[in-house]
Amino acid sequence: MMKTLHVSLADRSYPIYIGNGILSQTGLLEKHIKGSEVLVVSNTTVAPLYLNKVLASLTQYRCESVILPDGEEYKSLEILNQIFDALLQGKFSRKVTLIALGGGVIGDMAGFAAASYQRGVPFIQIPTTLLSQVDSSVGGKTAVNHPLGKNMIGAFYQPQCVLADTSTLNTLEDRQLSSGLAEVIKYGLINDAEFFAWLEDNMPALLARDKGVLAEAIERSCQDKADIVAQDELEQGVRALLNLGHTFGHAIETGMGYGNFLHGEGVAVGMLMAADLSHRMGWISEVELEKIKQILIAARLPVTVPTGMTTEQFMSLMSVDKKVQDGKIRLVLLKNIGQAVISDDYSKVCLAETLAYFQN
């Protein structure tokens, strides 16, 4: 059974298809391909599993593929050029449609390439990890990393559609599944307390990859994100709430070296740090702080900062962040479970205490 959600953005609106085995439904892709040319972008892990299935549904098109190395450490301008090389060497026109087949790294890079090639060509997201299905494939954020900061070079560029086949999660490593659950938990924390309570009850089933429970978590996450993106496509306001934990988490990812700490793992620690700061500010209770810590532990996510990260390193890396305005680090903090706020009016003393606490 397939569910269809919609991201409402006027002439840039598009559907999100969610279902088990829908990668085999050839008509889904066809109606979102504008011309006769297709370039599928995938990686060395996903391509052997699903590339042939996608290509088999595209026989009526001139179709080629480019296979990138797998890992966050390859989300760079240098590797991005491999996509442009394939497009230019293949003499692809402005009628080409790029298809991103993989996790968040592939989606971000293929999307950025689509936004840039000949000043913009269509692209389609086929996310194959939980994290990309519930977060990075939806909303049009595309980017590559720079050694000094994560996702600092990119563009807002919406896909033609998102096709989330939940059967691809069957081949996902346990660590990657937990990484995706961090983003799922995020939606409960920022604006959906009922969903957070549901996650507390259903975490064992999610980890056991129960198809129905996973499908519901993906649908609710995508709906929460679609609703926010529809209000604020370019992150001028409410969309920044989706960055709960990300300023701390991105600092960890950058400081540890891309790929050594998964994105969802960094977000998990970052969300707990944001919750700790919120508690020190008197905004959430100790009981709520503990509930947040326990659901992250239940999801098999880290709740401590990697050894070696210092307060000075955190502050330096956090100052190179897209949410910095006028020299002030804006953070997403919690007033309650299910109510997040964007603030640069937090106590710097409390922030220092949080950073010091997490290094013990």
Protein backbone atom coordinates (compact mmCIF):
# COMPACT_ATOMS: atom_id res chain seq x y z
CA MET A 1 0.00 0.00 0.00
CA MET A 2 1.42 3.38 -1.02
CA LYS A 3 0.87 6.69 0.76
CA THR A 4 1.24 10.00 -1.06
CA LEU A 5 2.04 13.24 0.74
CA HIS A 6 2.51 16.66 -0.83
CA VAL A 7 5.00 19.46 -0.28
CA SER A 8 2.97 22.57 -1.13
CA LEU A 9 5.22 25.20 -2.75
CA ALA A 10 3.07 26.72 -5.51
CA ASP A 11 4.65 25.84 -8.87
CA ARG A 12 7.44 23.94 -7.10
CA SER A 13 5.07 21.58 -5.28
CA TYR A 14 5.75 17.86 -5.49
CA PRO A 15 4.60 14.49 -4.12
CA ILE A 16 6.32 12.19 -1.65
CA TYR A 17 5.52 8.54 -2.36
CA ILE A 18 5.97 6.15 0.58
CA GLY A 19 5.49 2.39 0.32
CA ASN A 20 6.99 -1.08 0.37
CA GLY A 21 8.32 -2.22 -3.02
CA ILE A 22 7.27 0.91 -4.93
CA LEU A 23 10.65 1.10 -6.66
CA SER A 24 9.23 -1.51 -9.06
CA GLN A 25 6.26 0.68 -10.04
CA THR A 26 7.61 2.04 -13.30
CA GLY A 27 4.89 4.63 -13.82
CA LEU A 28 5.87 6.57 -10.70
CA LEU A 29 9.16 7.73 -12.17
CA GLU A 30 7.95 8.21 -15.73
CA LYS A 31 5.44 10.96 -14.97
CA HIS A 32 8.14 13.07 -13.29
CA ILE A 33 10.79 12.81 -16.02
CA LYS A 34 10.50 15.84 -18.30
CA GLY A 35 12.70 14.93 -21.25
CA SER A 36 14.28 11.84 -22.79
CA GLU A 37 17.61 11.87 -20.91
CA VAL A 38 18.35 10.50 -17.44
CA LEU A 39 21.51 10.35 -15.34
CA VAL A 40 21.26 8.20 -12.22
CA VAL A 41 23.65 9.19 -9.43
CA SER A 42 24.37 6.48 -6.86
CA ASN A 43 27.23 5.12 -4.77
CA THR A 44 29.28 1.95 -4.47
CA THR A 45 27.07 0.55 -1.69
CA VAL A 46 23.60 1.25 -3.10
CA ALA A 47 24.22 0.76 -6.83
CA PRO A 48 24.83 -3.02 -6.63
CA LEU A 49 21.56 -3.40 -4.73
CA TYR A 50 19.10 -1.18 -6.60
CA LEU A 51 20.59 0.42 -9.71
CA ASN A 52 19.49 -2.34 -12.12
CA LYS A 53 15.93 -2.17 -10.79
CA VAL A 54 15.81 1.56 -11.49
CA LEU A 55 17.42 1.24 -14.91
CA ALA A 56 14.95 -1.51 -15.85
CA SER A 57 12.11 0.98 -15.41
CA LEU A 58 13.80 3.58 -17.63
CA THR A 59 14.37 1.64 -20.87
CA GLN A 60 12.46 4.22 -22.92
CA TYR A 61 15.01 6.91 -22.00
CA ARG A 62 18.60 7.53 -22.89
CA CYS A 63 19.95 6.58 -19.47
CA GLU A 64 23.42 6.53 -17.94
CA SER A 65 24.74 6.32 -14.39
CA VAL A 66 27.61 7.67 -12.32
CA ILE A 67 28.73 5.78 -9.21
CA LEU A 68 30.38 7.80 -6.44
CA PRO A 69 32.35 6.51 -3.44
CA ASP A 70 30.22 5.97 -0.33
CA GLY A 71 30.63 8.14 2.75
CA GLU A 72 30.23 11.63 4.22
CA GLU A 73 33.94 12.22 3.69
CA TYR A 74 33.27 12.20 -0.09
CA LYS A 75 30.62 14.93 0.04
CA SER A 76 33.00 17.46 -1.46
CA LEU A 77 33.43 19.75 -4.45
CA GLU A 78 36.07 17.38 -5.81
CA ILE A 79 33.70 14.39 -5.89
CA LEU A 80 30.81 16.59 -7.07
CA ASN A 81 32.84 17.21 -10.22
CA GLN A 82 32.45 13.52 -11.13
CA ILE A 83 28.75 14.20 -11.70
CA PHE A 84 29.52 17.21 -13.89
CA ASP A 85 32.14 15.14 -15.76
CA ALA A 86 29.52 12.49 -16.52
CA LEU A 87 27.01 15.10 -17.68
CA LEU A 88 29.46 16.94 -19.91
CA GLN A 89 31.22 13.87 -21.31
CA GLY A 90 27.82 12.38 -22.07
CA LYS A 91 26.76 15.63 -23.77
CA PHE A 92 23.58 15.77 -21.71
CA SER A 93 21.29 18.69 -22.51
CA ARG A 94 19.10 20.89 -20.30
CA LYS A 95 16.38 18.26 -20.79
CA VAL A 96 18.23 15.74 -18.60
CA THR A 97 16.69 14.56 -15.34
CA LEU A 98 19.07 13.55 -12.54
CA ILE A 99 17.94 10.74 -10.23
CA ALA A 100 19.53 10.55 -6.77
CA LEU A 101 19.60 6.89 -5.71
CA GLY A 102 21.10 6.59 -2.25
CA GLY A 103 21.26 8.20 1.16
CA GLY A 104 21.57 11.81 2.23
CA VAL A 105 25.03 12.36 0.73
CA ILE A 106 23.90 11.23 -2.72
CA GLY A 107 20.69 13.23 -2.49
CA ASP A 108 22.52 16.39 -1.47
CA MET A 109 25.18 16.06 -4.16
CA ALA A 110 22.88 15.06 -7.02
CA GLY A 111 20.51 17.88 -6.04
CA PHE A 112 23.31 20.44 -5.98
CA ALA A 113 24.56 19.19 -9.34
CA ALA A 114 21.02 19.50 -10.74
CA ALA A 115 20.70 23.03 -9.38
CA SER A 116 23.99 23.99 -11.02
CA TYR A 117 24.19 22.12 -14.35
CA GLN A 118 23.29 24.53 -17.15
CA ARG A 119 21.75 26.71 -14.39
CA GLY A 120 19.24 24.10 -13.35
CA VAL A 121 17.83 20.76 -14.54
CA PRO A 122 15.12 18.57 -12.94
CA PHE A 123 15.96 15.89 -10.41
CA ILE A 124 14.21 13.11 -8.51
CA GLN A 125 15.00 11.79 -5.05
CA ILE A 126 15.01 8.02 -4.37
CA PRO A 127 16.26 7.90 -0.77
CA THR A 128 17.43 4.48 0.46
CA THR A 129 18.27 5.20 4.12
CA LEU A 130 15.90 6.06 6.96
CA LEU A 131 17.64 9.39 7.51
CA SER A 132 17.24 10.43 3.89
CA GLN A 133 13.65 9.18 3.69
CA VAL A 134 12.50 11.19 6.72
CA ASP A 135 14.68 14.26 6.34
CA SER A 136 17.29 15.10 3.73
CA SER A 137 15.29 14.09 0.62
CA VAL A 138 12.41 16.42 1.55
CA GLY A 139 12.60 20.19 1.40
CA GLY A 140 15.14 20.99 -1.30
CA LYS A 141 18.32 21.52 0.70
CA THR A 142 21.34 20.52 -1.37
CA ALA A 143 25.00 21.01 -0.50
CA VAL A 144 28.54 19.76 -0.16
CA ASN A 145 30.85 20.04 2.83
CA HIS A 146 33.94 22.19 3.24
CA PRO A 147 36.80 21.28 5.60
CA LEU A 148 35.83 24.30 7.72
CA GLY A 149 32.10 23.66 7.85
CA LYS A 150 29.36 21.18 6.96
CA ASN A 151 26.86 21.99 4.17
CA MET A 152 28.25 25.50 3.74
CA ILE A 153 28.24 25.35 -0.08
CA GLY A 154 24.87 24.56 -1.63
CA ALA A 155 21.47 25.69 -2.87
CA PHE A 156 17.76 25.40 -2.16
CA TYR A 157 16.46 23.33 -5.08
CA GLN A 158 13.29 21.26 -4.98
CA PRO A 159 12.98 17.79 -6.56
CA GLN A 160 10.23 16.72 -8.95
CA CYS A 161 9.20 13.99 -6.51
CA VAL A 162 10.49 11.85 -3.66
CA LEU A 163 10.08 8.07 -3.92
CA ALA A 164 10.70 6.40 -0.55
CA ASP A 165 10.63 2.62 -0.90
CA THR A 166 10.65 1.26 2.65
CA SER A 167 11.91 -2.13 1.42
CA THR A 168 15.34 -0.53 0.89
CA LEU A 169 15.64 -0.31 4.68
CA ASN A 170 15.93 -4.12 4.80
CA THR A 171 19.56 -3.84 3.68
CA LEU A 172 20.41 -0.90 5.95
CA GLU A 173 23.05 -1.43 8.64
CA ASP A 174 21.79 -1.20 12.24
CA ARG A 175 23.99 1.83 12.93
CA GLN A 176 22.54 3.66 9.92
CA LEU A 177 19.00 2.80 11.03
CA SER A 178 19.66 4.34 14.44
CA SER A 179 21.21 7.38 12.77
CA GLY A 180 17.95 7.92 10.91
CA LEU A 181 15.93 7.53 14.10
CA ALA A 182 17.67 10.62 15.49
CA GLU A 183 15.94 12.76 12.86
CA VAL A 184 12.63 10.99 13.52
CA ILE A 185 12.92 11.79 17.25
CA LYS A 186 13.70 15.39 16.31
CA TYR A 187 10.23 15.88 14.83
CA GLY A 188 8.62 14.78 18.08
CA LEU A 189 10.79 17.18 20.04
CA ILE A 190 10.28 20.30 17.95
CA ASN A 191 6.52 20.33 17.40
CA ASP A 192 4.81 16.96 17.91
CA ALA A 193 4.68 15.78 21.53
CA GLU A 194 2.13 13.11 20.63
CA PHE A 195 4.57 11.66 18.08
CA PHE A 196 7.35 11.70 20.71
CA ALA A 197 5.17 9.64 23.06
CA TRP A 198 4.36 7.27 20.19
CA LEU A 199 8.08 6.84 19.52
CA GLU A 200 8.72 6.01 23.18
CA ASP A 201 6.15 3.20 22.90
CA ASN A 202 7.24 1.94 19.49
CA MET A 203 11.04 2.17 19.60
CA PRO A 204 11.52 -1.63 19.96
CA ALA A 205 9.33 -2.21 16.87
CA LEU A 206 11.24 0.43 14.91
CA LEU A 207 14.57 -1.20 15.75
CA ALA A 208 13.08 -4.58 14.78
CA ARG A 209 12.17 -3.00 11.40
CA ASP A 210 8.46 -3.67 11.72
CA LYS A 211 7.19 -2.62 8.27
CA GLY A 212 3.98 -0.99 9.45
CA VAL A 213 5.58 0.91 12.31
CA LEU A 214 8.46 2.11 10.12
CA ALA A 215 6.04 3.27 7.43
CA GLU A 216 4.03 5.24 10.00
CA ALA A 217 7.19 6.87 11.42
CA ILE A 218 8.35 7.85 7.94
CA GLU A 219 4.92 9.22 6.99
CA ARG A 220 4.57 11.29 10.17
CA SER A 221 8.11 12.62 9.88
CA CYS A 222 7.67 13.59 6.22
CA GLN A 223 4.32 15.25 6.96
CA ASP A 224 5.83 17.26 9.82
CA LYS A 225 8.68 18.39 7.60
CA ALA A 226 6.47 19.10 4.57
CA ASP A 227 4.22 21.31 6.70
CA ILE A 228 7.18 23.37 7.92
CA VAL A 229 8.85 23.63 4.49
CA ALA A 230 5.54 24.82 2.99
CA GLN A 231 5.57 27.71 5.48
CA ASP A 232 9.24 28.65 5.05
CA GLU A 233 10.98 27.19 2.00
CA LEU A 234 14.21 29.21 2.29
CA GLU A 235 14.66 28.95 6.07
CA GLN A 236 14.00 32.57 6.92
CA GLY A 237 12.04 31.66 10.04
CA VAL A 238 10.22 28.59 11.31
CA ARG A 239 12.15 26.11 9.13
CA ALA A 240 15.24 26.70 11.28
CA LEU A 241 13.46 24.67 13.99
CA LEU A 242 14.37 21.60 11.93
CA ASN A 243 17.98 22.26 12.97
CA LEU A 244 17.43 21.17 16.58
CA GLY A 245 20.76 19.68 17.70
CA HIS A 246 22.43 20.39 14.38
CA THR A 247 24.69 23.27 15.42
CA PHE A 248 26.27 21.11 18.13
CA GLY A 249 26.07 18.02 15.93
CA HIS A 250 27.70 19.60 12.90
CA ALA A 251 30.55 20.79 15.12
CA ILE A 252 31.08 17.19 16.23
CA GLU A 253 30.96 15.86 12.66
CA THR A 254 33.42 18.47 11.43
CA GLY A 255 35.70 18.20 14.46
CA MET A 256 35.88 14.41 14.30
CA GLY A 257 36.39 14.34 10.53
CA TYR A 258 33.51 13.71 8.13
CA GLY A 259 32.34 10.10 8.18
CA ASN A 260 33.75 9.16 11.58
CA PHE A 261 30.62 10.26 13.44
CA LEU A 262 27.40 9.69 11.48
CA HIS A 263 25.12 12.67 10.93
CA GLY A 264 22.33 11.21 13.04
CA GLU A 265 24.78 10.39 15.80
CA GLY A 266 25.97 13.99 15.87
CA VAL A 267 22.37 15.22 15.87
CA ALA A 268 21.51 12.89 18.76
CA VAL A 269 24.29 14.24 20.97
CA GLY A 270 23.50 17.75 19.77
CA MET A 271 19.82 17.41 20.70
CA LEU A 272 20.75 16.25 24.20
CA MET A 273 23.17 19.18 24.52
CA ALA A 274 20.40 21.56 23.42
CA ALA A 275 18.07 19.94 25.95
CA ASP A 276 20.70 20.25 28.67
CA LEU A 277 21.15 23.95 27.89
CA SER A 278 17.36 24.39 27.88
CA HIS A 279 17.19 22.75 31.32
CA ARG A 280 19.95 24.99 32.67
CA MET A 281 17.94 27.97 31.40
CA GLY A 282 14.94 26.71 33.37
CA TRP A 283 12.92 26.03 30.21
CA ILE A 284 12.46 22.25 30.53
CA SER A 285 12.34 20.07 33.62
CA GLU A 286 14.84 17.46 34.73
CA VAL A 287 12.17 14.84 34.02
CA GLU A 288 11.89 16.01 30.40
CA LEU A 289 15.66 16.08 30.03
CA GLU A 290 15.87 12.50 31.25
CA LYS A 291 13.07 11.39 28.89
CA ILE A 292 15.03 12.81 25.97
CA LYS A 293 18.20 11.06 27.07
CA GLN A 294 16.40 7.74 27.52
CA ILE A 295 14.72 7.74 24.11
CA LEU A 296 18.10 8.38 22.46
CA ILE A 297 19.61 5.50 24.43
CA ALA A 298 16.64 3.30 23.47
CA ALA A 299 17.31 4.15 19.81
CA ARG A 300 20.93 3.00 20.31
CA LEU A 301 22.30 6.47 19.73
CA PRO A 302 25.27 8.10 21.48
CA VAL A 303 24.60 10.56 24.30
CA THR A 304 28.18 11.66 24.99
CA VAL A 305 30.60 13.88 23.09
CA PRO A 306 33.55 12.04 21.48
CA THR A 307 36.76 12.19 23.45
CA GLY A 308 38.97 15.07 22.43
CA MET A 309 36.36 17.72 21.59
CA THR A 310 37.12 20.86 23.63
CA THR A 311 34.97 23.88 24.48
CA GLU A 312 37.24 26.04 22.34
CA GLN A 313 36.84 23.67 19.39
CA PHE A 314 33.06 23.63 19.79
CA MET A 315 32.84 27.42 19.87
CA SER A 316 35.15 27.80 16.89
CA LEU A 317 33.23 25.30 14.75
CA MET A 318 29.81 26.54 15.87
CA SER A 319 30.77 30.05 14.76
CA VAL A 320 31.06 28.70 11.18
CA ASP A 321 27.40 27.77 10.86
CA LYS A 322 24.59 28.85 8.54
CA LYS A 323 22.52 29.93 11.55
CA VAL A 324 25.07 32.50 12.73
CA GLN A 325 23.69 36.03 12.26
CA ASP A 326 25.56 39.25 13.03
CA GLY A 327 28.21 37.25 14.82
CA LYS A 328 25.67 35.57 17.14
CA ILE A 329 25.26 31.79 17.24
CA ARG A 330 21.52 31.07 17.05
CA LEU A 331 20.49 27.80 18.66
CA VAL A 332 17.30 25.76 18.53
CA LEU A 333 16.29 25.10 22.14
CA LEU A 334 13.29 23.54 23.89
CA LYS A 335 10.52 25.10 25.94
CA ASN A 336 8.83 21.70 26.28
CA ILE A 337 8.95 18.34 24.56
CA GLY A 338 7.06 19.26 21.39
CA GLN A 339 7.87 22.98 21.52
CA ALA A 340 11.15 24.28 20.12
CA VAL A 341 12.30 27.89 19.76
CA ILE A 342 15.08 29.65 17.86
CA SER A 343 17.13 31.89 20.11
CA ASP A 344 20.32 33.89 20.38
CA ASP A 345 19.16 35.19 23.75
CA TYR A 346 20.40 32.25 25.81
CA SER A 347 22.76 32.47 28.76
CA LYS A 348 26.38 32.27 27.61
CA VAL A 349 27.23 31.04 31.12
CA CYS A 350 24.75 28.17 30.73
CA LEU A 351 26.17 27.36 27.29
CA ALA A 352 29.67 27.19 28.76
CA GLU A 353 28.37 24.93 31.54
CA THR A 354 26.73 22.60 29.00
CA LEU A 355 29.88 22.38 26.89
CA ALA A 356 32.00 21.72 29.99
CA TYR A 357 29.54 19.08 31.29
CA PHE A 358 29.62 17.10 28.07
CA GLN A 359 33.41 16.92 28.13
CA ASN A 360 33.43 15.12 31.49
